[in-house]
Amino acid sequence: MSKPLTYVQIGVGGFGHWWCNVFLPRLTEMGLAKAVAAVDINPEVLPNAKQPLGLEDGQLYTDAEKAISETRPDFVTIVVPPAFHEQMVDIALKYNCHILSEKPIADSMEVCCRIYKKVRSAGRKMAVTMSHRFDQDKQSLERLIKSGDYGALDYIVGRNTWNCRKFPAWGAFRYKIPDTLLVEGTVHHFDIMRSLTGSDAKTVHALTWNPAWSDFAGDSQGLILIEMESGVRVFYEGAKSNSTTLNTWGHDYWRAECEKATLILDNRKLCTMSDLSGEHKVVDVPLAEQPVWMNSWLAELFVNWVNGGETPPNSLDDNIQCAALLFAAIESAHTGKIVPVQEYLERHLKAV
């Protein structure tokens, strides 16, 4: 086995705590990578990284550039608010590091495109952990669709609806930001749509609003129609201010209408339905099995990629398409117009 890669974890509070305690230790156990430093601007949370990542006090920093310049890791993991992603990426590239970052690439399409060009120009590898696409249930549905056993895919319907209308049921900060449904929720589902259809988006038409009974400042409800470049259509219902919750996080509803059957994923249960034989047949399908899913799996795929393996499905080249769909949907919601997604992406890439 080759020598483990080294990395610096940037951000150990909040979700960074999960990275330190749940996702990253597995890389050490597998002999793939080991931490050489951890960083957070809040010194009080730095102990979160010490025991799980096997670090000493001298390996805990409040300054990202100092940590990276002194340890010269192979890659960095970035788990800080999106507004600070570009700053961390710039430091990583300055010291020739590869990058594994939490979603999204950044908090605007302009910055996403700047990061995209910087990373490609530097010849470094970067991946983005859009975790929900890589959960067990969504991967099981994707594999079922792409097996070919059910014929061609026609269209997909997705749903994620909640009762989070009253502050602070969905996290206090989400009640203050604009386009909160799309930015904080649907961003994951856009990536799932691309995954299930095996295609990038051609056009998006988003209608979003905020009902009078909602405590959100930004739009919390939405109905979205997407045409993929493959010709498959996707209809999505997203809501955070309904009177009841139908599908919580990690328990999405997706229905794939295929030539030979309807495939339904609902609250982590997968089945197929068909009347084509002359009788209504419902067949329960067990979810796929593998050692880990979501960010633990993505971290492993990333390290293997840095070591010369296959490009993972969440690479920067792939995720820029997810960013384009998100920000094009926001433009559609604001203008009321259908937005051509690939034209939107090309326009922004040319502008930076």
Foldseek 3Di string as FASTA:
>chain_A
DDQAFEEEEEDCPDCVLCCQAPFPLVCVVVRHYAYQAYEALDPVRQVSNPVSRVHDPVRYYPDLLVNCVVPLTQAYEEDDAQQCLLVNLVSCLVSPHAYEYEDDSHDALLSLLVSVVVCVVSVHWYFYFLFLCWDQLLVQLLCVQPVCPQAAWAEKEWEWAAACQDPPSPHRVLQEDAPSCLPPPCLSVLVSVCSSNVFFWFKKAKAFAPDPSGSHPYTFWIWMWTQTPVRYIYIYTGGHNDPHTQAHVSFIWMWIDHPHWIWIGGGSWIWTWGCVVVHTDIGTDDTDDDDDIGSNVVVVQVSVVSVPDDDDCRISVNSSSSSLVSNSNVVNNVPVDMGGSVVSSVVSSVVD
